[in-house]
Amino acid sequence: MVKNEQNTLLRKKRGLSLNDIIMLPVRHLQQATGSLGDLWRTPMASLMTIFVLGISLTLPATLHLFTKNAQQVSSNWDSAAQISVFLKLSVSDKNAQNLVKRIQLYPEVKSVRYISANDALNEFKKLSGFGKALSYLDDNPLPATLLVTPSKRHSQPTAAKVLLEKLEQERGVAQGKLDLEWLTRLEAIMVLIQDIVTALAILLSLSVVLIIGNTIRLAILNQRDAIAVMKMVGATDAFIQRPFLYTGFWYGVFGGLLAAVTVTILGNYLDYAIVDLAQLYQSQFSLQSLDFSETVFLLITAISLGLIGSYISVYQNIKAIEPSAE
């Protein structure tokens, strides 16, 4: 077996033949299978590394899941923004109706509701509890009001503020009011959460790279003598590095699968509590899990981290191992 491997390495040193090129995918498959067997022969160490990788990726993936669901809920809140336009007391009902027709032609406006001064006073009497006192007033102090609902595209805080300024320029409008504060705070909170998830993902990714790199380094040191012998008979660094790179690849595959399964289990577990809470508010909200593209991205990220960690380790350590001159 050793003699055959030495002959193969000597042929590699002289140059690749057509047969070698054809057999290259087979050798890659053999080395990938062999590195998977090395993981099987050290189950405890391999499982610990896989669990660390999986748990490190589970946390940012779970936070991303909640962020995605929070954005879904907040998008419905954003579209419910409404502008209150108060007309001047001198505006007649006919002029107010003409103003409603003009505003309905705005491309930024979804709908307009007109509340006359008398309707506003009657509603205020019911809600305030001062109905008898207000009946002694000679004149109606409340103006007619327009409730303007922006279109979905213009319901965001910045666009809604621009629409408010446009409405206030209309003749007969005293002032407009838009409660931008809660929308702005909501938008700032969502941006903050996204930044936290991104920063946490970067930090945990760096820790994954370091952990896998250290694991591969220990594996290289354990095979230091065998690597020196392989170099002595003509093995290239690339040939020696390949099994360790496949080891990092397998760590990424299994760690990514573990993270995907864990996020799915956590999502299903928390979904029951969220559904019960939503029913108390007469809502049918249900927690969305990771879709197929997000799961694939999670696996690709895990594999990439595994390959990066293993490549950094083998590049630094295998090059430093040289056969003894004795």
C-alpha atoms as a PDB file:
ATOM      1  CA  MET A   1       0.000   0.000   0.000  1.00  0.00           C
ATOM      2  CA  VAL A   2       2.803   2.412   0.940  1.00  0.00           C
ATOM      3  CA  LYS A   3       4.777   1.409  -2.178  1.00  0.00           C
ATOM      4  CA  ASN A   4       1.786   2.117  -4.442  1.00  0.00           C
ATOM      5  CA  GLU A   5       1.286   5.514  -2.818  1.00  0.00           C
ATOM      6  CA  GLN A   6       4.972   6.303  -3.275  1.00  0.00           C
ATOM      7  CA  ASN A   7       4.776   5.379  -6.971  1.00  0.00           C
ATOM      8  CA  THR A   8       1.744   7.633  -7.348  1.00  0.00           C
ATOM      9  CA  LEU A   9       3.561  10.516  -5.711  1.00  0.00           C
ATOM     10  CA  LEU A  10       6.617  10.008  -7.912  1.00  0.00           C
ATOM     11  CA  ARG A  11       4.405  10.127 -11.024  1.00  0.00           C
ATOM     12  CA  LYS A  12       2.862  13.333  -9.695  1.00  0.00           C
ATOM     13  CA  LYS A  13       6.342  14.775  -9.338  1.00  0.00           C
ATOM     14  CA  ARG A  14       7.225  13.924 -12.978  1.00  0.00           C
ATOM     15  CA  GLY A  15       3.924  15.366 -14.280  1.00  0.00           C
ATOM     16  CA  LEU A  16       0.265  14.475 -14.800  1.00  0.00           C
ATOM     17  CA  SER A  17      -0.641  12.032 -17.528  1.00  0.00           C
ATOM     18  CA  LEU A  18      -4.034  11.737 -19.207  1.00  0.00           C
ATOM     19  CA  ASN A  19      -4.900   8.842 -16.909  1.00  0.00           C
ATOM     20  CA  ASP A  20      -3.984  10.943 -13.875  1.00  0.00           C
ATOM     21  CA  ILE A  21      -6.301  13.716 -15.043  1.00  0.00           C
ATOM     22  CA  ILE A  22      -9.133  11.236 -15.530  1.00  0.00           C
ATOM     23  CA  MET A  23      -8.520   9.689 -12.106  1.00  0.00           C
ATOM     24  CA  LEU A  24      -8.297  13.081 -10.336  1.00  0.00           C
ATOM     25  CA  PRO A  25     -12.022  13.196  -9.368  1.00  0.00           C
ATOM     26  CA  VAL A  26     -11.726   9.619  -8.092  1.00  0.00           C
ATOM     27  CA  ARG A  27      -8.791  10.576  -5.868  1.00  0.00           C
ATOM     28  CA  HIS A  28     -10.728  13.590  -4.575  1.00  0.00           C
ATOM     29  CA  LEU A  29     -13.616  11.288  -3.718  1.00  0.00           C
ATOM     30  CA  GLN A  30     -11.244   8.879  -1.986  1.00  0.00           C
ATOM     31  CA  GLN A  31      -9.700  11.666   0.083  1.00  0.00           C
ATOM     32  CA  ALA A  32     -13.114  13.086   0.958  1.00  0.00           C
ATOM     33  CA  THR A  33     -14.276   9.633   2.067  1.00  0.00           C
ATOM     34  CA  GLY A  34     -11.043   9.098   3.962  1.00  0.00           C
ATOM     35  CA  SER A  35     -11.406  12.400   5.856  1.00  0.00           C
ATOM     36  CA  LEU A  36     -14.976  11.425   6.731  1.00  0.00           C
ATOM     37  CA  GLY A  37     -13.588   8.151   8.104  1.00  0.00           C
ATOM     38  CA  ASP A  38     -11.093  10.104  10.226  1.00  0.00           C
ATOM     39  CA  LEU A  39     -14.011  11.950  11.824  1.00  0.00           C
ATOM     40  CA  TRP A  40     -15.732   8.637  12.503  1.00  0.00           C
ATOM     41  CA  ARG A  41     -12.628   7.269  14.217  1.00  0.00           C
ATOM     42  CA  THR A  42     -12.583  10.187  16.684  1.00  0.00           C
ATOM     43  CA  PRO A  43     -16.313  10.543  17.459  1.00  0.00           C
ATOM     44  CA  MET A  44     -16.111  12.569  20.671  1.00  0.00           C
ATOM     45  CA  ALA A  45     -13.727  15.224  19.361  1.00  0.00           C
ATOM     46  CA  SER A  46     -15.621  15.434  16.073  1.00  0.00           C
ATOM     47  CA  LEU A  47     -19.030  15.738  17.753  1.00  0.00           C
ATOM     48  CA  MET A  48     -17.795  18.481  20.077  1.00  0.00           C
ATOM     49  CA  THR A  49     -16.478  20.511  17.143  1.00  0.00           C
ATOM     50  CA  ILE A  50     -19.694  19.959  15.143  1.00  0.00           C
ATOM     51  CA  PHE A  51     -21.863  20.967  18.107  1.00  0.00           C
ATOM     52  CA  VAL A  52     -19.822  24.126  18.713  1.00  0.00           C
ATOM     53  CA  LEU A  53     -20.125  25.036  15.035  1.00  0.00           C
ATOM     54  CA  GLY A  54     -23.859  24.273  14.962  1.00  0.00           C
ATOM     55  CA  ILE A  55     -24.666  26.216  18.138  1.00  0.00           C
ATOM     56  CA  SER A  56     -22.565  29.191  17.007  1.00  0.00           C
ATOM     57  CA  LEU A  57     -24.582  29.399  13.794  1.00  0.00           C
ATOM     58  CA  THR A  58     -27.915  28.718  15.501  1.00  0.00           C
ATOM     59  CA  LEU A  59     -27.909  31.944  17.514  1.00  0.00           C
ATOM     60  CA  PRO A  60     -27.618  34.441  14.619  1.00  0.00           C
ATOM     61  CA  ALA A  61     -29.920  32.287  12.459  1.00  0.00           C
ATOM     62  CA  THR A  62     -32.589  32.320  15.191  1.00  0.00           C
ATOM     63  CA  LEU A  63     -32.256  36.078  15.640  1.00  0.00           C
ATOM     64  CA  HIS A  64     -32.599  36.487  11.878  1.00  0.00           C
ATOM     65  CA  LEU A  65     -35.772  34.389  12.019  1.00  0.00           C
ATOM     66  CA  PHE A  66     -37.343  36.649  14.643  1.00  0.00           C
ATOM     67  CA  THR A  67     -36.192  39.767  12.791  1.00  0.00           C
ATOM     68  CA  LYS A  68     -37.850  38.527   9.606  1.00  0.00           C
ATOM     69  CA  ASN A  69     -41.125  37.896  11.424  1.00  0.00           C
ATOM     70  CA  ALA A  70     -40.932  41.263  13.192  1.00  0.00           C
ATOM     71  CA  GLN A  71     -40.485  42.993   9.817  1.00  0.00           C
ATOM     72  CA  GLN A  72     -43.568  41.197   8.538  1.00  0.00           C
ATOM     73  CA  VAL A  73     -45.625  42.545  11.443  1.00  0.00           C
ATOM     74  CA  SER A  74     -44.154  46.056  11.266  1.00  0.00           C
ATOM     75  CA  SER A  75     -44.872  46.298   7.534  1.00  0.00           C
ATOM     76  CA  ASN A  76     -48.585  46.079   8.359  1.00  0.00           C
ATOM     77  CA  TRP A  77     -48.205  48.833  10.948  1.00  0.00           C
ATOM     78  CA  ASP A  78     -46.359  51.086   8.523  1.00  0.00           C
ATOM     79  CA  SER A  79     -49.144  50.794   5.942  1.00  0.00           C
ATOM     80  CA  ALA A  80     -51.701  51.930   8.550  1.00  0.00           C
ATOM     81  CA  ALA A  81     -50.186  55.426   8.849  1.00  0.00           C
ATOM     82  CA  GLN A  82     -52.860  58.134   8.579  1.00  0.00           C
ATOM     83  CA  ILE A  83     -52.650  61.890   8.177  1.00  0.00           C
ATOM     84  CA  SER A  84     -55.181  64.176   9.898  1.00  0.00           C
ATOM     85  CA  VAL A  85     -55.796  67.380   7.926  1.00  0.00           C
ATOM     86  CA  PHE A  86     -57.638  70.145   9.830  1.00  0.00           C
ATOM     87  CA  LEU A  87     -59.427  72.703   7.664  1.00  0.00           C
ATOM     88  CA  LYS A  88     -59.886  76.392   8.431  1.00  0.00           C
ATOM     89  CA  LEU A  89     -63.121  77.344  10.187  1.00  0.00           C
ATOM     90  CA  SER A  90     -64.027  79.596   7.284  1.00  0.00           C
ATOM     91  CA  VAL A  91     -64.058  76.705   4.777  1.00  0.00           C
ATOM     92  CA  SER A  92     -67.581  75.842   3.669  1.00  0.00           C
ATOM     93  CA  ASP A  93     -68.842  72.315   3.243  1.00  0.00           C
ATOM     94  CA  LYS A  94     -68.878  72.696  -0.549  1.00  0.00           C
ATOM     95  CA  ASN A  95     -65.255  73.857  -0.650  1.00  0.00           C
ATOM     96  CA  ALA A  96     -64.291  71.003   1.652  1.00  0.00           C
ATOM     97  CA  GLN A  97     -65.879  68.501  -0.707  1.00  0.00           C
ATOM     98  CA  ASN A  98     -63.949  70.005  -3.626  1.00  0.00           C
ATOM     99  CA  LEU A  99     -60.756  69.685  -1.616  1.00  0.00           C
ATOM    100  CA  VAL A 100     -61.519  66.020  -0.975  1.00  0.00           C
ATOM    101  CA  LYS A 101     -61.868  65.424  -4.716  1.00  0.00           C
ATOM    102  CA  ARG A 102     -58.539  67.141  -5.412  1.00  0.00           C
ATOM    103  CA  ILE A 103     -56.696  65.140  -2.775  1.00  0.00           C
ATOM    104  CA  GLN A 104     -58.184  61.873  -4.013  1.00  0.00           C
ATOM    105  CA  LEU A 105     -56.405  62.514  -7.315  1.00  0.00           C
ATOM    106  CA  TYR A 106     -53.010  62.478  -5.581  1.00  0.00           C
ATOM    107  CA  PRO A 107     -51.000  59.389  -6.631  1.00  0.00           C
ATOM    108  CA  GLU A 108     -49.651  59.201  -3.069  1.00  0.00           C
ATOM    109  CA  VAL A 109     -53.129  58.907  -1.523  1.00  0.00           C
ATOM    110  CA  LYS A 110     -55.044  55.669  -1.084  1.00  0.00           C
ATOM    111  CA  SER A 111     -58.272  57.081   0.403  1.00  0.00           C
ATOM    112  CA  VAL A 112     -59.744  60.235   1.976  1.00  0.00           C
ATOM    113  CA  ARG A 113     -62.435  60.364   4.649  1.00  0.00           C
ATOM    114  CA  TYR A 114     -64.261  63.617   5.257  1.00  0.00           C
ATOM    115  CA  ILE A 115     -65.512  64.486   8.748  1.00  0.00           C
ATOM    116  CA  SER A 116     -67.650  67.622   8.858  1.00  0.00           C
ATOM    117  CA  ALA A 117     -67.452  70.081  11.752  1.00  0.00           C
ATOM    118  CA  ASN A 118     -70.850  68.945  13.087  1.00  0.00           C
ATOM    119  CA  ASP A 119     -69.839  65.270  12.943  1.00  0.00           C
ATOM    120  CA  ALA A 120     -66.601  66.098  14.739  1.00  0.00           C
ATOM    121  CA  LEU A 121     -68.502  67.940  17.473  1.00  0.00           C
ATOM    122  CA  ASN A 122     -70.995  65.096  17.948  1.00  0.00           C
ATOM    123  CA  GLU A 123     -68.195  62.546  18.165  1.00  0.00           C
ATOM    124  CA  PHE A 124     -66.337  64.711  20.659  1.00  0.00           C
ATOM    125  CA  LYS A 125     -69.455  64.986  22.822  1.00  0.00           C
ATOM    126  CA  LYS A 126     -69.760  61.211  22.996  1.00  0.00           C
ATOM    127  CA  LEU A 127     -66.107  60.566  23.752  1.00  0.00           C
ATOM    128  CA  SER A 128     -65.366  63.463  26.129  1.00  0.00           C
ATOM    129  CA  GLY A 129     -68.385  63.241  28.418  1.00  0.00           C
ATOM    130  CA  PHE A 130     -68.911  67.030  28.212  1.00  0.00           C
ATOM    131  CA  GLY A 131     -71.976  66.828  25.976  1.00  0.00           C
ATOM    132  CA  LYS A 132     -74.190  69.083  28.120  1.00  0.00           C
ATOM    133  CA  ALA A 133     -71.515  71.708  28.590  1.00  0.00           C
ATOM    134  CA  LEU A 134     -70.719  71.817  24.864  1.00  0.00           C
ATOM    135  CA  SER A 135     -74.380  72.365  24.033  1.00  0.00           C
ATOM    136  CA  TYR A 136     -74.159  75.843  25.582  1.00  0.00           C
ATOM    137  CA  LEU A 137     -71.587  76.978  23.018  1.00  0.00           C
ATOM    138  CA  ASP A 138     -72.809  79.482  20.457  1.00  0.00           C
ATOM    139  CA  ASP A 139     -70.448  78.343  17.709  1.00  0.00           C
ATOM    140  CA  ASN A 140     -68.810  75.042  16.845  1.00  0.00           C
ATOM    141  CA  PRO A 141     -65.118  75.380  17.790  1.00  0.00           C
ATOM    142  CA  LEU A 142     -64.062  72.231  15.916  1.00  0.00           C
ATOM    143  CA  PRO A 143     -62.974  72.393  12.279  1.00  0.00           C
ATOM    144  CA  ALA A 144     -63.832  69.955   9.523  1.00  0.00           C
ATOM    145  CA  THR A 145     -61.242  67.196   9.221  1.00  0.00           C
ATOM    146  CA  LEU A 146     -59.884  65.022   6.452  1.00  0.00           C
ATOM    147  CA  LEU A 147     -58.408  61.611   7.295  1.00  0.00           C
ATOM    148  CA  VAL A 148     -55.924  60.859   4.507  1.00  0.00           C
ATOM    149  CA  THR A 149     -54.549  57.329   4.162  1.00  0.00           C
ATOM    150  CA  PRO A 150     -51.329  57.206   2.096  1.00  0.00           C
ATOM    151  CA  SER A 151     -50.727  54.460  -0.425  1.00  0.00           C
ATOM    152  CA  LYS A 152     -48.537  51.565   0.639  1.00  0.00           C
ATOM    153  CA  ARG A 153     -45.563  52.997  -1.211  1.00  0.00           C
ATOM    154  CA  HIS A 154     -45.871  56.357   0.587  1.00  0.00           C
ATOM    155  CA  SER A 155     -46.722  55.082   4.072  1.00  0.00           C
ATOM    156  CA  GLN A 156     -43.115  55.030   5.240  1.00  0.00           C
ATOM    157  CA  PRO A 157     -42.115  57.873   7.602  1.00  0.00           C
ATOM    158  CA  THR A 158     -40.071  59.894   5.080  1.00  0.00           C
ATOM    159  CA  ALA A 159     -42.600  59.644   2.238  1.00  0.00           C
ATOM    160  CA  ALA A 160     -45.530  60.297   4.588  1.00  0.00           C
ATOM    161  CA  LYS A 161     -43.868  63.469   5.855  1.00  0.00           C
ATOM    162  CA  VAL A 162     -43.422  64.715   2.280  1.00  0.00           C
ATOM    163  CA  LEU A 163     -47.124  64.053   1.636  1.00  0.00           C
ATOM    164  CA  LEU A 164     -48.045  65.938   4.815  1.00  0.00           C
ATOM    165  CA  GLU A 165     -46.115  69.012   3.644  1.00  0.00           C
ATOM    166  CA  LYS A 166     -47.862  68.821   0.282  1.00  0.00           C
ATOM    167  CA  LEU A 167     -51.308  68.653   1.913  1.00  0.00           C
ATOM    168  CA  GLU A 168     -50.576  71.631   4.165  1.00  0.00           C
ATOM    169  CA  GLN A 169     -49.964  73.755   1.061  1.00  0.00           C
ATOM    170  CA  GLU A 170     -53.552  73.222  -0.102  1.00  0.00           C
ATOM    171  CA  ARG A 171     -55.831  76.244   0.149  1.00  0.00           C
ATOM    172  CA  GLY A 172     -58.201  76.003   3.095  1.00  0.00           C
ATOM    173  CA  VAL A 173     -55.953  73.725   5.174  1.00  0.00           C
ATOM    174  CA  ALA A 174     -55.080  75.055   8.619  1.00  0.00           C
ATOM    175  CA  GLN A 175     -52.629  72.327   9.600  1.00  0.00           C
ATOM    176  CA  GLY A 176     -51.914  68.643   9.258  1.00  0.00           C
ATOM    177  CA  LYS A 177     -50.827  66.082  11.794  1.00  0.00           C
ATOM    178  CA  LEU A 178     -48.938  62.840  11.331  1.00  0.00           C
ATOM    179  CA  ASP A 179     -47.732  60.782  14.257  1.00  0.00           C
ATOM    180  CA  LEU A 180     -44.272  60.071  12.862  1.00  0.00           C
ATOM    181  CA  GLU A 181     -42.668  59.479  16.210  1.00  0.00           C
ATOM    182  CA  TRP A 182     -43.763  55.869  16.710  1.00  0.00           C
ATOM    183  CA  LEU A 183     -43.042  55.005  13.081  1.00  0.00           C
ATOM    184  CA  THR A 184     -39.559  56.505  13.338  1.00  0.00           C
ATOM    185  CA  ARG A 185     -38.869  54.668  16.581  1.00  0.00           C
ATOM    186  CA  LEU A 186     -40.098  51.401  15.104  1.00  0.00           C
ATOM    187  CA  GLU A 187     -37.889  51.836  12.054  1.00  0.00           C
ATOM    188  CA  ALA A 188     -34.871  52.683  14.244  1.00  0.00           C
ATOM    189  CA  ILE A 189     -35.450  49.626  16.433  1.00  0.00           C
ATOM    190  CA  MET A 190     -35.620  47.342  13.391  1.00  0.00           C
ATOM    191  CA  VAL A 191     -32.376  48.784  12.014  1.00  0.00           C
ATOM    192  CA  LEU A 192     -30.717  48.350  15.411  1.00  0.00           C
ATOM    193  CA  ILE A 193     -31.812  44.720  15.637  1.00  0.00           C
ATOM    194  CA  GLN A 194     -30.484  44.033  12.138  1.00  0.00           C
ATOM    195  CA  ASP A 195     -27.139  45.613  13.047  1.00  0.00           C
ATOM    196  CA  ILE A 196     -26.947  43.514  16.212  1.00  0.00           C
ATOM    197  CA  VAL A 197     -27.674  40.327  14.264  1.00  0.00           C
ATOM    198  CA  THR A 198     -25.012  41.220  11.682  1.00  0.00           C
ATOM    199  CA  ALA A 199     -22.366  42.037  14.310  1.00  0.00           C
ATOM    200  CA  LEU A 200     -23.160  38.885  16.278  1.00  0.00           C
ATOM    201  CA  ALA A 201     -23.015  36.755  13.127  1.00  0.00           C
ATOM    202  CA  ILE A 202     -19.589  38.174  12.248  1.00  0.00           C
ATOM    203  CA  LEU A 203     -18.195  37.555  15.740  1.00  0.00           C
ATOM    204  CA  LEU A 204     -19.536  34.001  15.913  1.00  0.00           C
ATOM    205  CA  SER A 205     -18.253  33.302  12.395  1.00  0.00           C
ATOM    206  CA  LEU A 206     -14.774  34.380  13.471  1.00  0.00           C
ATOM    207  CA  SER A 207     -15.003  32.092  16.497  1.00  0.00           C
ATOM    208  CA  VAL A 208     -16.053  29.191  14.228  1.00  0.00           C
ATOM    209  CA  VAL A 209     -13.059  29.818  11.960  1.00  0.00           C
ATOM    210  CA  LEU A 210     -10.710  29.849  14.965  1.00  0.00           C
ATOM    211  CA  ILE A 211     -12.210  26.688  16.468  1.00  0.00           C
ATOM    212  CA  ILE A 212     -12.017  24.705  13.231  1.00  0.00           C
ATOM    213  CA  GLY A 213      -8.545  26.065  12.527  1.00  0.00           C
ATOM    214  CA  ASN A 214      -7.329  24.938  15.944  1.00  0.00           C
ATOM    215  CA  THR A 215      -8.947  21.496  15.518  1.00  0.00           C
ATOM    216  CA  ILE A 216      -7.250  21.015  12.138  1.00  0.00           C
ATOM    217  CA  ARG A 217      -3.945  22.228  13.581  1.00  0.00           C
ATOM    218  CA  LEU A 218      -4.070  19.546  16.282  1.00  0.00           C
ATOM    219  CA  ALA A 219      -4.853  16.926  13.638  1.00  0.00           C
ATOM    220  CA  ILE A 220      -1.838  18.074  11.602  1.00  0.00           C
ATOM    221  CA  LEU A 221       0.455  17.917  14.623  1.00  0.00           C
ATOM    222  CA  ASN A 222      -0.746  14.386  15.388  1.00  0.00           C
ATOM    223  CA  GLN A 223       0.264  13.339  11.862  1.00  0.00           C
ATOM    224  CA  ARG A 224       3.467  15.359  11.724  1.00  0.00           C
ATOM    225  CA  ASP A 225       5.734  12.348  11.157  1.00  0.00           C
ATOM    226  CA  ALA A 226       3.503  10.905   8.422  1.00  0.00           C
ATOM    227  CA  ILE A 227       3.427  14.292   6.666  1.00  0.00           C
ATOM    228  CA  ALA A 228       7.238  14.499   6.826  1.00  0.00           C
ATOM    229  CA  VAL A 229       7.533  11.046   5.230  1.00  0.00           C
ATOM    230  CA  MET A 230       5.076  11.994   2.468  1.00  0.00           C
ATOM    231  CA  LYS A 231       7.108  15.104   1.695  1.00  0.00           C
ATOM    232  CA  MET A 232      10.258  12.998   1.626  1.00  0.00           C
ATOM    233  CA  VAL A 233       8.883  10.761  -1.145  1.00  0.00           C
ATOM    234  CA  GLY A 234       7.765  13.774  -3.202  1.00  0.00           C
ATOM    235  CA  ALA A 235       4.252  14.683  -2.052  1.00  0.00           C
ATOM    236  CA  THR A 236       3.279  18.272  -2.736  1.00  0.00           C
ATOM    237  CA  ASP A 237       1.759  20.548  -0.117  1.00  0.00           C
ATOM    238  CA  ALA A 238      -1.509  20.633  -2.074  1.00  0.00           C
ATOM    239  CA  PHE A 239      -1.764  16.841  -2.035  1.00  0.00           C
ATOM    240  CA  ILE A 240      -1.132  16.723   1.723  1.00  0.00           C
ATOM    241  CA  GLN A 241      -3.495  19.606   2.470  1.00  0.00           C
ATOM    242  CA  ARG A 242      -6.464  18.146   0.620  1.00  0.00           C
ATOM    243  CA  PRO A 243      -7.655  15.624   3.291  1.00  0.00           C
ATOM    244  CA  PHE A 244      -7.558  18.335   5.975  1.00  0.00           C
ATOM    245  CA  LEU A 245      -9.541  20.701   3.739  1.00  0.00           C
ATOM    246  CA  TYR A 246     -12.143  17.983   3.284  1.00  0.00           C
ATOM    247  CA  THR A 247     -12.231  17.604   7.071  1.00  0.00           C
ATOM    248  CA  GLY A 248     -13.139  21.294   7.371  1.00  0.00           C
ATOM    249  CA  PHE A 249     -15.730  20.762   4.636  1.00  0.00           C
ATOM    250  CA  TRP A 250     -17.402  17.944   6.582  1.00  0.00           C
ATOM    251  CA  TYR A 251     -17.363  20.009   9.772  1.00  0.00           C
ATOM    252  CA  GLY A 252     -19.210  22.730   7.868  1.00  0.00           C
ATOM    253  CA  VAL A 253     -21.747  20.311   6.370  1.00  0.00           C
ATOM    254  CA  PHE A 254     -22.662  18.658   9.665  1.00  0.00           C
ATOM    255  CA  GLY A 255     -22.522  21.918  11.644  1.00  0.00           C
ATOM    256  CA  GLY A 256     -24.778  23.659   9.124  1.00  0.00           C
ATOM    257  CA  LEU A 257     -27.284  20.795   9.148  1.00  0.00           C
ATOM    258  CA  LEU A 258     -27.304  20.830  12.948  1.00  0.00           C
ATOM    259  CA  ALA A 259     -27.919  24.600  12.971  1.00  0.00           C
ATOM    260  CA  ALA A 260     -30.757  24.319  10.421  1.00  0.00           C
ATOM    261  CA  VAL A 261     -32.452  21.520  12.366  1.00  0.00           C
ATOM    262  CA  THR A 262     -32.032  23.369  15.680  1.00  0.00           C
ATOM    263  CA  VAL A 263     -33.518  26.610  14.301  1.00  0.00           C
ATOM    264  CA  THR A 264     -36.477  24.667  12.886  1.00  0.00           C
ATOM    265  CA  ILE A 265     -37.104  22.930  16.215  1.00  0.00           C
ATOM    266  CA  LEU A 266     -36.864  26.207  18.143  1.00  0.00           C
ATOM    267  CA  GLY A 267     -39.189  27.920  15.673  1.00  0.00           C
ATOM    268  CA  ASN A 268     -41.822  25.179  15.948  1.00  0.00           C
ATOM    269  CA  TYR A 269     -41.532  25.137  19.725  1.00  0.00           C
ATOM    270  CA  LEU A 270     -41.966  28.911  20.069  1.00  0.00           C
ATOM    271  CA  ASP A 271     -44.686  29.012  17.429  1.00  0.00           C
ATOM    272  CA  TYR A 272     -47.182  27.386  19.807  1.00  0.00           C
ATOM    273  CA  ALA A 273     -46.661  30.123  22.404  1.00  0.00           C
ATOM    274  CA  ILE A 274     -46.831  32.889  19.771  1.00  0.00           C
ATOM    275  CA  VAL A 275     -50.055  31.502  18.286  1.00  0.00           C
ATOM    276  CA  ASP A 276     -51.656  31.397  21.761  1.00  0.00           C
ATOM    277  CA  LEU A 277     -50.560  34.994  22.405  1.00  0.00           C
ATOM    278  CA  ALA A 278     -51.856  36.163  19.018  1.00  0.00           C
ATOM    279  CA  GLN A 279     -55.256  34.594  19.670  1.00  0.00           C
ATOM    280  CA  LEU A 280     -55.634  36.773  22.770  1.00  0.00           C
ATOM    281  CA  TYR A 281     -55.463  39.781  20.412  1.00  0.00           C
ATOM    282  CA  GLN A 282     -57.795  38.185  17.856  1.00  0.00           C
ATOM    283  CA  SER A 283     -54.909  37.693  15.431  1.00  0.00           C
ATOM    284  CA  GLN A 284     -53.930  34.718  13.276  1.00  0.00           C
ATOM    285  CA  PHE A 285     -50.180  35.434  13.298  1.00  0.00           C
ATOM    286  CA  SER A 286     -47.907  32.405  13.037  1.00  0.00           C
ATOM    287  CA  LEU A 287     -44.115  32.294  13.215  1.00  0.00           C
ATOM    288  CA  GLN A 288     -42.492  31.743   9.833  1.00  0.00           C
ATOM    289  CA  SER A 289     -39.559  29.339   9.720  1.00  0.00           C
ATOM    290  CA  LEU A 290     -36.503  29.517   7.477  1.00  0.00           C
ATOM    291  CA  ASP A 291     -37.386  29.051   3.831  1.00  0.00           C
ATOM    292  CA  PHE A 292     -35.416  26.884   1.401  1.00  0.00           C
ATOM    293  CA  SER A 293     -33.119  29.673   0.175  1.00  0.00           C
ATOM    294  CA  GLU A 294     -32.278  30.740   3.743  1.00  0.00           C
ATOM    295  CA  THR A 295     -31.520  27.138   4.728  1.00  0.00           C
ATOM    296  CA  VAL A 296     -29.242  26.728   1.695  1.00  0.00           C
ATOM    297  CA  PHE A 297     -27.492  30.000   2.565  1.00  0.00           C
ATOM    298  CA  LEU A 298     -26.958  28.754   6.131  1.00  0.00           C
ATOM    299  CA  LEU A 299     -25.389  25.525   4.840  1.00  0.00           C
ATOM    300  CA  ILE A 300     -23.162  27.379   2.361  1.00  0.00           C
ATOM    301  CA  THR A 301     -22.049  29.751   5.133  1.00  0.00           C
ATOM    302  CA  ALA A 302     -21.188  26.849   7.439  1.00  0.00           C
ATOM    303  CA  ILE A 303     -19.233  25.042   4.703  1.00  0.00           C
ATOM    304  CA  SER A 304     -17.391  28.239   3.777  1.00  0.00           C
ATOM    305  CA  LEU A 305     -16.398  28.850   7.397  1.00  0.00           C
ATOM    306  CA  GLY A 306     -15.188  25.267   7.680  1.00  0.00           C
ATOM    307  CA  LEU A 307     -13.068  25.561   4.539  1.00  0.00           C
ATOM    308  CA  ILE A 308     -11.653  28.952   5.558  1.00  0.00           C
ATOM    309  CA  GLY A 309     -10.678  27.713   9.013  1.00  0.00           C
ATOM    310  CA  SER A 310      -9.075  24.538   7.666  1.00  0.00           C
ATOM    311  CA  TYR A 311      -7.262  26.364   4.841  1.00  0.00           C
ATOM    312  CA  ILE A 312      -5.706  28.915   7.202  1.00  0.00           C
ATOM    313  CA  SER A 313      -4.531  26.122   9.474  1.00  0.00           C
ATOM    314  CA  VAL A 314      -3.085  23.806   6.801  1.00  0.00           C
ATOM    315  CA  TYR A 315      -1.433  26.686   4.931  1.00  0.00           C
ATOM    316  CA  GLN A 316       0.486  27.750   8.029  1.00  0.00           C
ATOM    317  CA  ASN A 317       1.268  24.379   9.574  1.00  0.00           C
ATOM    318  CA  ILE A 318       1.923  21.967   6.687  1.00  0.00           C
ATOM    319  CA  LYS A 319       4.346  24.345   5.025  1.00  0.00           C
ATOM    320  CA  ALA A 320       6.312  24.493   8.294  1.00  0.00           C
ATOM    321  CA  ILE A 321       6.753  20.689   8.405  1.00  0.00           C
ATOM    322  CA  GLU A 322       9.882  19.575   6.583  1.00  0.00           C
ATOM    323  CA  PRO A 323      11.472  16.097   6.492  1.00  0.00           C
ATOM    324  CA  SER A 324      14.464  15.619   8.768  1.00  0.00           C
ATOM    325  CA  ALA A 325      17.901  15.745   7.179  1.00  0.00           C
ATOM    326  CA  GLU A 326      19.043  12.658   9.144  1.00  0.00           C
END
